[in-house]
Every structure is written in C-alpha cells, then in structure tokens.
Amino acid sequence: MKIELAPLEGVTGHVYRKTFAEYYGGIDHYFTPFLNTGKLSGKFKTEVLPEKNPAAPLTPQILEHNPEIFLRIVQGIQALGYEEVNLNLGCPSKTVVNKGRGAGSFKVMDQVEKDLEGIFSKCPLKVSIKCRIGYQAPENTEEEGLQEAWINQTERMLNIFKQYPVSELIVHPRFGTEFYTGHARMEVFKKITEYVTGIPLTYNGDLNSVEDVKRLQEIVPVGNSFAGDIMIGRGAIANPRLAGKLQREFNAGAGQSTLNAGQGTLNAGIPGQDDSNWRKQFREFHKALVEGYLANYSGERPVVEKMKELWYYWGEFDNAIFLQGASSEKKTLVAKFVKEIRKSKSLAEYQANAGAIMSL
C-alpha cells in the first residue's frame, strides 16, 4: 500500500514537507500545493526547486486546465527534472470554483474534455489527476439522488478521463459544495473502482486513523485498478505520527521509500512510532518548523500566521495529537491556549502559548 500526503494550500509547503520527512516520515509520495500562475517564478518556483525538496518523490500540482497555461508551467517543471505533474480538479474553494477550476471543472465538463485533449496531446510529462465526485451535492442524498449525481457528474467526468493515459487518478469522494462536511463516500469510490480500468486509482478522504483505513479496506476490496493506495491529508497534519503508524500496520515497515528517510535525531526504526517519547519528538519538530519558516520568510509575522494555522490541526481537529487520550480537563486547557495562540501578535507571545500546550 502506497501512502501519499495530500497537498494542502498554505500548509504543506516545502518547509513543512522537509521538516515532516526529517522528524516523522512514512510518506511515499508528496505533492505540492497547487501552482496557479501561468509562469513558474517567485514562490511557485521556490516550491518545486529540487534543493528545497530532499524528501520522498514529489509531484508538482497545477490548478489550471487551460492547455496553453498548463503547458507553459510544465516547461519550467520539466526543466527542473520532474517527470510527472498533477492536475487539480478537486479544490472546493469558491474563488477557484467560480473560475471553472478545481471542483468547478464539473460545471464545465465540455471545456475540460477539450482542454484535456490539448494537454495530453502535447504534455511531455506524465499527468495524474486529483478530483472529487462532482461539484453540486444532490438535495436527495439517498440512493436515488446519488445515482442521478453519478450519471450527470461522476460517470460523465470519468468517461472523459478514460480517453487519456492518466498516470494516477486520486479521488476524494465528496462533492465540491460539501467542502469537508459530512463523510467521504467510500461506497461511491468502490463504484469507481468497478467502473474504471486501466487508470491506477488512489483513495483520499477521512483517513485519520488505522481504523479508518481498515474500514476502507472492508468496503473497497483491492482489484481492477485499485491496489489499495491511499492519500492522507488533514489527519496526517493533525497527528504527524499517523503515516508511520499506517506503514507499520499495513506495510510491516518494509520496502517503503521513505521509512528510513525520516529518522531525525529522535527516531529509531519506523518514523513516528516512539510512543514513550512523542512529546519530545513533537517539540523538536515544532522547533525545526519555526526555524525553517524564519529562514524562508521575511520577518516574524508570516511565521506566526503559519504556525497559527497548524494549531487548528494539532489542537482542534478530530485526531489532533494533543487531544488523543486527553482528559476533559486537559482538552479544556488545550482549547484555552489555542485561542491565545490565535491572538498572538509576536513570535515570543506565540511561543509562550504553544509552549504551554506542549508542556501539558
């Protein structure tokens, strides 16, 4: 089972990926957050520079499906030695969707079909695609409504994909209008594995624990184009030890490309598995992240803002590392200091509040 890390805009940039790989690891394949400019320059070029990305195999992700713009970005990516790019047809952000990009591509499928013809006929690199199962969630979410959505959205888009040599199709089985509410529809992904042949499939969505992956395996058997590969995202940010746990549980810690790449100074064996030392490991990870951001950003303010966003995952998300096994009293204290972190205006103020949580 291959384990990939989902690209999260504003979170999984090159500093985070590098630091995560050093202290936790367990990821076999990384993706950059989407590049949405017609020219590979500035921060977008920095994001894909090989010297900034010493971790596991990395695939740059492109948001634009206009062939001219897409291929212009590919030129710069190819010059850096990459062999594959990923096309984002799944982002649910309204600013993206309103332009017919991301999950909004389901609203302009005729145009997407034309654009993919232009992309695949001229792109010198392999192209993988990340998508949702549609844009508009049906009002009736029972079987009848989902079947109508399947015909009008999911199946129609899959038929477009099947015309081209897509190197990998990563599916998050939610509709764009759902953002991250409700639950990912594993049953719909199962239907996709039965419908699509010839394109390697990867599952993404609501995999926040070993138990979640076991549930996926119960619902969606390996077969056809699905080899059991998964992409984890928010759950892996909330609990950085998750990828290592999944490697140990499902791959027996053997033969995975990054298991020995993320040793850090605190890991022995599989990254993220030192149960007795997890707090110290996290403190070192946190320290390295802050130092990495300070080295790559101008001034303290953007660093503080970056760290604030991460504490939503570490202190509030369903499988947040600081909430696992915590008493109600400790959870209350974590919530208190996360609120104080959000109010932090200086790095010193941020460090004091973050330190309070890490000492609980």
Protein backbone atom coordinates (compact mmCIF):
# COMPACT_ATOMS: atom_id res chain seq x y z
CA MET A 1 0.00 0.00 0.00
CA LYS A 2 1.45 3.33 -1.10
CA ILE A 3 0.84 6.26 1.24
CA GLU A 4 0.74 9.77 -0.24
CA LEU A 5 0.47 13.14 1.50
CA ALA A 6 -2.31 15.37 0.18
CA PRO A 7 -1.37 18.91 -0.84
CA LEU A 8 -2.96 21.48 1.47
CA GLU A 9 -2.75 25.09 0.36
CA GLY A 10 -0.89 27.20 2.92
CA VAL A 11 0.13 24.16 4.98
CA THR A 12 2.18 21.51 3.15
CA GLY A 13 4.72 23.79 1.51
CA HIS A 14 8.37 22.85 1.08
CA VAL A 15 9.37 23.85 4.63
CA TYR A 16 6.67 21.66 6.14
CA ARG A 17 7.38 18.70 3.84
CA LYS A 18 11.12 18.77 4.52
CA THR A 19 10.70 19.06 8.28
CA PHE A 20 7.97 16.44 8.42
CA ALA A 21 10.14 13.97 6.49
CA GLU A 22 13.07 14.56 8.84
CA TYR A 23 11.11 14.04 12.06
CA TYR A 24 8.29 11.66 11.13
CA GLY A 25 8.38 10.32 7.57
CA GLY A 26 6.27 7.37 6.47
CA ILE A 27 5.16 9.12 3.27
CA ASP A 28 5.95 7.52 -0.08
CA HIS A 29 4.87 10.38 -2.34
CA TYR A 30 4.42 14.12 -1.78
CA PHE A 31 2.52 16.70 -3.84
CA THR A 32 3.00 20.45 -3.84
CA PRO A 33 0.02 22.70 -3.10
CA PHE A 34 -1.36 23.87 -6.42
CA LEU A 35 0.56 26.22 -8.68
CA ASN A 36 -1.92 28.71 -10.11
CA THR A 37 0.17 31.08 -12.15
CA GLY A 38 0.95 30.98 -15.84
CA LYS A 39 4.65 31.34 -15.15
CA LEU A 40 6.86 29.25 -12.89
CA SER A 41 8.55 32.01 -10.90
CA GLY A 42 8.80 33.53 -7.45
CA LYS A 43 7.33 31.49 -4.60
CA PHE A 44 5.90 28.95 -7.03
CA LYS A 45 9.35 28.15 -8.43
CA THR A 46 10.82 28.01 -4.93
CA GLU A 47 8.16 25.46 -4.04
CA VAL A 48 9.43 22.97 -6.62
CA LEU A 49 13.18 23.61 -6.56
CA PRO A 50 14.90 20.22 -6.04
CA GLU A 51 17.23 21.63 -3.37
CA LYS A 52 14.18 22.65 -1.33
CA ASN A 53 12.67 19.17 -1.60
CA PRO A 54 15.01 16.44 -0.36
CA ALA A 55 12.14 14.24 0.87
CA ALA A 56 10.36 11.41 -0.96
CA PRO A 57 9.28 11.63 -4.61
CA LEU A 58 7.48 14.92 -5.25
CA THR A 59 4.90 15.78 -7.89
CA PRO A 60 4.07 19.44 -8.61
CA GLN A 61 0.34 20.12 -8.76
CA ILE A 62 -1.17 22.53 -11.30
CA LEU A 63 -4.58 24.16 -10.82
CA GLU A 64 -5.08 25.45 -14.37
CA HIS A 65 -6.55 23.13 -17.04
CA ASN A 66 -6.25 25.64 -19.86
CA PRO A 67 -3.76 23.84 -22.15
CA GLU A 68 -1.70 26.92 -23.03
CA ILE A 69 -1.20 27.93 -19.40
CA PHE A 70 -0.79 24.34 -18.20
CA LEU A 71 1.91 23.55 -20.76
CA ARG A 72 3.74 26.81 -20.04
CA ILE A 73 4.02 25.81 -16.37
CA VAL A 74 5.07 22.29 -17.39
CA GLN A 75 8.03 23.70 -19.33
CA GLY A 76 9.51 25.15 -16.15
CA ILE A 77 8.75 22.00 -14.16
CA GLN A 78 10.34 19.74 -16.77
CA ALA A 79 13.48 21.91 -16.79
CA LEU A 80 13.91 21.11 -13.10
CA GLY A 81 13.96 17.37 -13.80
CA TYR A 82 10.42 16.35 -12.89
CA GLU A 83 8.76 13.52 -14.81
CA GLU A 84 5.15 13.97 -13.70
CA VAL A 85 2.64 16.69 -12.83
CA ASN A 86 -0.74 16.51 -11.14
CA LEU A 87 -3.86 18.35 -12.32
CA ASN A 88 -6.11 19.64 -9.54
CA LEU A 89 -9.77 19.15 -10.45
CA GLY A 90 -10.92 18.89 -6.85
CA CYS A 91 -10.30 22.11 -4.91
CA PRO A 92 -13.68 23.25 -3.46
CA SER A 93 -12.67 26.87 -2.73
CA LYS A 94 -15.28 29.27 -4.10
CA THR A 95 -12.67 31.58 -5.63
CA VAL A 96 -11.32 28.58 -7.55
CA VAL A 97 -14.68 27.00 -8.40
CA ASN A 98 -16.13 30.27 -9.74
CA LYS A 99 -13.44 30.24 -12.44
CA GLY A 100 -14.35 26.72 -13.54
CA ARG A 101 -11.25 25.25 -11.93
CA GLY A 102 -10.79 22.70 -9.17
CA ALA A 103 -14.13 21.08 -8.32
CA GLY A 104 -15.71 23.75 -10.54
CA SER A 105 -14.43 21.77 -13.52
CA PHE A 106 -17.54 19.60 -13.12
CA LYS A 107 -19.57 22.67 -14.13
CA VAL A 108 -17.68 23.00 -17.43
CA MET A 109 -17.08 19.40 -18.45
CA ASP A 110 -17.31 20.06 -22.18
CA GLN A 111 -14.48 22.56 -21.83
CA VAL A 112 -12.50 20.18 -19.62
CA GLU A 113 -12.74 17.50 -22.30
CA LYS A 114 -11.33 19.88 -24.91
CA ASP A 115 -8.63 21.07 -22.52
CA LEU A 116 -7.51 17.55 -21.62
CA GLU A 117 -7.16 16.76 -25.31
CA GLY A 118 -4.83 19.75 -25.63
CA ILE A 119 -2.91 18.76 -22.51
CA PHE A 120 -2.42 15.06 -23.19
CA SER A 121 -1.60 15.55 -26.87
CA LYS A 122 1.33 17.83 -26.08
CA CYS A 123 2.45 17.36 -22.48
CA PRO A 124 5.93 15.76 -22.32
CA LEU A 125 5.39 14.61 -18.73
CA LYS A 126 3.07 12.07 -17.16
CA VAL A 127 -0.15 13.62 -15.89
CA SER A 128 -2.09 12.43 -12.85
CA ILE A 129 -5.40 13.92 -11.74
CA LYS A 130 -6.91 14.65 -8.33
CA CYS A 131 -10.67 15.16 -8.28
CA ARG A 132 -13.91 14.92 -6.36
CA ILE A 133 -17.04 13.00 -7.43
CA GLY A 134 -18.80 16.13 -8.66
CA TYR A 135 -19.45 19.74 -7.81
CA GLN A 136 -23.10 20.03 -6.76
CA ALA A 137 -24.17 17.67 -3.99
CA PRO A 138 -27.69 16.32 -4.64
CA GLU A 139 -30.52 17.55 -2.41
CA ASN A 140 -31.55 13.94 -2.03
CA THR A 141 -28.50 12.14 -0.66
CA GLU A 142 -30.26 8.78 -0.60
CA GLU A 143 -29.56 6.18 -3.31
CA GLU A 144 -31.81 7.81 -5.91
CA GLY A 145 -30.19 11.22 -5.61
CA LEU A 146 -26.68 9.80 -5.59
CA GLN A 147 -27.45 7.73 -8.69
CA GLU A 148 -28.57 10.86 -10.55
CA ALA A 149 -25.41 12.67 -9.47
CA TRP A 150 -23.38 9.66 -10.59
CA ILE A 151 -24.85 9.79 -14.09
CA ASN A 152 -24.73 13.57 -14.52
CA GLN A 153 -21.41 14.28 -12.84
CA THR A 154 -19.20 11.39 -11.72
CA GLU A 155 -19.69 8.97 -14.60
CA ARG A 156 -19.55 11.72 -17.19
CA MET A 157 -16.22 13.02 -15.90
CA LEU A 158 -14.80 9.50 -15.55
CA ASN A 159 -15.67 8.85 -19.19
CA ILE A 160 -13.59 11.90 -20.11
CA PHE A 161 -10.64 10.68 -18.06
CA LYS A 162 -10.84 7.21 -19.62
CA GLN A 163 -9.96 8.70 -23.01
CA TYR A 164 -6.46 9.67 -21.86
CA PRO A 165 -3.36 8.00 -20.37
CA VAL A 166 -3.89 9.36 -16.86
CA SER A 167 -0.97 8.10 -14.76
CA GLU A 168 -2.97 8.10 -11.50
CA LEU A 169 -6.48 9.17 -10.52
CA ILE A 170 -6.80 10.33 -6.91
CA VAL A 171 -10.43 10.57 -5.83
CA HIS A 172 -11.87 12.35 -2.80
CA PRO A 173 -15.47 11.05 -2.75
CA ARG A 174 -17.24 14.24 -1.71
CA PHE A 175 -18.94 16.85 -3.85
CA GLY A 176 -17.36 20.28 -4.12
CA THR A 177 -20.27 22.03 -2.38
CA GLU A 178 -19.77 19.78 0.64
CA PHE A 179 -16.23 21.03 1.22
CA TYR A 180 -15.23 18.77 4.16
CA THR A 181 -18.63 18.32 5.82
CA GLY A 182 -20.34 15.00 6.33
CA HIS A 183 -18.41 11.89 5.43
CA ALA A 184 -16.41 10.82 2.40
CA ARG A 185 -18.49 8.30 0.43
CA MET A 186 -16.35 5.18 0.34
CA GLU A 187 -19.20 3.30 -1.35
CA VAL A 188 -19.03 5.70 -4.31
CA PHE A 189 -15.28 5.15 -4.55
CA LYS A 190 -15.96 1.41 -4.63
CA LYS A 191 -18.27 2.00 -7.58
CA ILE A 192 -15.49 3.96 -9.29
CA THR A 193 -13.06 1.05 -8.84
CA GLU A 194 -15.59 -1.19 -10.59
CA TYR A 195 -16.13 1.30 -13.42
CA VAL A 196 -12.60 2.47 -14.17
CA THR A 197 -9.99 0.12 -15.58
CA GLY A 198 -6.56 0.97 -16.87
CA ILE A 199 -6.03 4.01 -14.63
CA PRO A 200 -4.35 3.43 -11.23
CA LEU A 201 -6.71 4.64 -8.51
CA THR A 202 -5.89 6.20 -5.13
CA TYR A 203 -8.38 6.86 -2.35
CA ASN A 204 -8.42 10.16 -0.42
CA GLY A 205 -10.78 11.35 2.33
CA ASP A 206 -11.40 10.91 6.08
CA LEU A 207 -8.46 8.60 6.74
CA ASN A 208 -7.45 9.78 10.20
CA SER A 209 -6.55 6.52 11.91
CA VAL A 210 -5.61 2.89 11.41
CA GLU A 211 -9.28 2.03 11.98
CA ASP A 212 -10.37 4.34 9.15
CA VAL A 213 -8.06 2.57 6.70
CA LYS A 214 -9.31 -0.82 7.86
CA ARG A 215 -12.86 0.37 7.22
CA LEU A 216 -11.87 1.45 3.71
CA GLN A 217 -10.38 -1.98 3.07
CA GLU A 218 -13.60 -3.65 4.26
CA ILE A 219 -15.74 -1.53 1.92
CA VAL A 220 -13.42 -1.30 -1.10
CA PRO A 221 -11.56 -4.51 -1.96
CA VAL A 222 -8.34 -4.40 -3.90
CA GLY A 223 -8.91 -5.20 -7.53
CA ASN A 224 -9.13 -3.82 -11.05
CA SER A 225 -7.22 -0.53 -10.96
CA PHE A 226 -7.21 -0.14 -7.16
CA ALA A 227 -4.14 -1.56 -5.45
CA GLY A 228 -5.09 -0.20 -2.04
CA ASP A 229 -3.10 3.04 -2.35
CA ILE A 230 -4.22 5.96 -0.19
CA MET A 231 -3.66 9.68 0.20
CA ILE A 232 -3.86 11.17 3.69
CA GLY A 233 -4.16 14.88 4.36
CA ARG A 234 -5.72 16.70 7.30
CA GLY A 235 -5.42 13.65 9.55
CA ALA A 236 -1.70 13.42 8.86
CA ILE A 237 -1.22 17.10 9.75
CA ALA A 238 -3.28 16.76 12.94
CA ASN A 239 -1.29 13.71 14.02
CA PRO A 240 2.15 13.70 12.35
CA ARG A 241 2.70 10.16 13.63
CA LEU A 242 -0.16 8.78 11.54
CA ALA A 243 1.80 7.92 8.38
CA GLY A 244 4.38 5.95 10.36
CA LYS A 245 1.63 4.07 12.18
CA LEU A 246 -0.02 3.17 8.89
CA GLN A 247 3.28 1.94 7.48
CA ARG A 248 3.82 -0.29 10.48
CA GLU A 249 0.26 -1.62 10.44
CA PHE A 250 -0.20 -2.25 6.72
CA ASN A 251 3.27 -2.46 5.19
CA ALA A 252 5.13 -4.07 8.09
CA GLY A 253 7.71 -1.29 7.88
CA ALA A 254 9.41 -2.87 4.90
CA GLY A 255 10.22 -1.74 1.42
CA GLN A 256 8.68 1.74 1.60
CA SER A 257 10.69 4.52 0.07
CA THR A 258 10.64 6.98 2.95
CA LEU A 259 10.59 4.80 6.01
CA ASN A 260 14.30 5.27 6.52
CA ALA A 261 14.42 8.81 5.18
CA GLY A 262 12.69 10.47 8.09
CA GLN A 263 14.79 9.33 11.00
CA GLY A 264 15.54 12.69 12.60
CA THR A 265 17.50 12.66 15.85
CA LEU A 266 14.70 11.16 17.91
CA ASN A 267 13.54 8.26 15.76
CA ALA A 268 14.82 4.75 15.83
CA GLY A 269 13.14 2.42 13.37
CA ILE A 270 9.88 3.50 11.83
CA PRO A 271 9.37 7.27 11.99
CA GLY A 272 6.66 8.44 14.34
CA GLN A 273 6.49 5.25 16.39
CA ASP A 274 8.34 6.16 19.59
CA ASP A 275 5.29 6.16 21.86
CA SER A 276 7.24 6.97 25.02
CA ASN A 277 8.93 9.99 23.51
CA TRP A 278 6.25 11.53 21.30
CA ARG A 279 6.09 14.82 23.18
CA LYS A 280 9.82 15.46 22.93
CA GLN A 281 9.70 14.42 19.29
CA PHE A 282 6.92 16.90 18.61
CA ARG A 283 8.74 19.73 20.40
CA GLU A 284 11.80 19.16 18.23
CA PHE A 285 9.61 19.02 15.13
CA HIS A 286 7.88 22.25 16.16
CA LYS A 287 11.20 23.98 16.83
CA ALA A 288 12.56 22.92 13.44
CA LEU A 289 9.41 24.15 11.70
CA VAL A 290 9.64 27.60 13.28
CA GLU A 291 13.33 27.82 12.37
CA GLY A 292 12.57 26.70 8.82
CA TYR A 293 9.88 29.33 8.36
CA LEU A 294 12.10 32.05 9.84
CA ALA A 295 14.80 31.13 7.33
CA ASN A 296 12.37 31.32 4.40
CA TYR A 297 10.11 34.24 5.27
CA SER A 298 10.77 37.91 5.88
CA GLY A 299 10.02 38.86 9.48
CA GLU A 300 8.15 37.14 12.29
CA ARG A 301 4.57 37.93 11.25
CA PRO A 302 4.22 35.38 8.41
CA VAL A 303 5.85 32.75 10.61
CA VAL A 304 3.35 33.35 13.41
CA GLU A 305 0.47 33.14 10.91
CA LYS A 306 1.79 29.84 9.53
CA MET A 307 2.01 28.33 12.99
CA LYS A 308 -1.45 29.58 13.97
CA GLU A 309 -2.95 27.64 11.08
CA LEU A 310 -1.17 24.45 12.11
CA TRP A 311 -2.59 24.60 15.64
CA TYR A 312 -6.09 24.15 14.25
CA TYR A 313 -4.94 20.68 13.26
CA TRP A 314 -2.74 19.93 16.29
CA GLY A 315 -5.21 21.21 18.89
CA GLU A 316 -8.73 21.07 17.43
CA PHE A 317 -9.03 18.55 14.58
CA ASP A 318 -10.73 15.18 15.17
CA ASN A 319 -7.49 13.25 15.65
CA ALA A 320 -5.38 16.16 16.96
CA ILE A 321 -2.19 14.87 18.51
CA PHE A 322 -2.73 16.87 21.72
CA LEU A 323 -6.29 15.63 22.20
CA GLN A 324 -5.69 11.91 21.81
CA GLY A 325 -6.26 10.18 25.13
CA ALA A 326 -6.51 13.54 26.88
CA SER A 327 -8.76 14.10 29.89
CA SER A 328 -11.60 16.60 29.65
CA GLU A 329 -9.58 18.95 31.86
CA LYS A 330 -6.58 18.78 29.55
CA LYS A 331 -8.77 19.28 26.46
CA THR A 332 -10.16 22.43 28.07
CA LEU A 333 -6.63 23.74 28.67
CA VAL A 334 -5.58 22.93 25.10
CA ALA A 335 -8.61 24.83 23.79
CA LYS A 336 -7.76 27.78 26.03
CA PHE A 337 -4.18 28.07 24.78
CA VAL A 338 -5.16 27.51 21.13
CA LYS A 339 -7.41 30.57 21.49
CA GLU A 340 -4.47 32.50 22.94
CA ILE A 341 -2.30 31.36 20.05
CA ARG A 342 -4.83 32.85 17.63
CA LYS A 343 -4.49 36.19 19.42
CA SER A 344 -0.68 36.13 19.34
CA LYS A 345 0.84 39.14 17.60
CA SER A 346 4.53 38.40 18.15
CA LEU A 347 6.66 35.30 17.89
CA ALA A 348 7.50 35.50 21.60
CA GLU A 349 3.81 35.59 22.50
CA TYR A 350 3.12 32.68 20.16
CA GLN A 351 6.00 30.62 21.58
CA ALA A 352 4.76 31.13 25.14
CA ASN A 353 1.28 29.86 24.34
CA ALA A 354 2.47 26.97 22.17
CA GLY A 355 4.96 26.02 24.86
CA ALA A 356 2.16 25.90 27.40
CA ILE A 357 0.30 23.31 25.31
CA MET A 358 3.41 21.23 24.68
CA SER A 359 4.08 21.13 28.44
CA LEU A 360 0.63 19.86 29.41
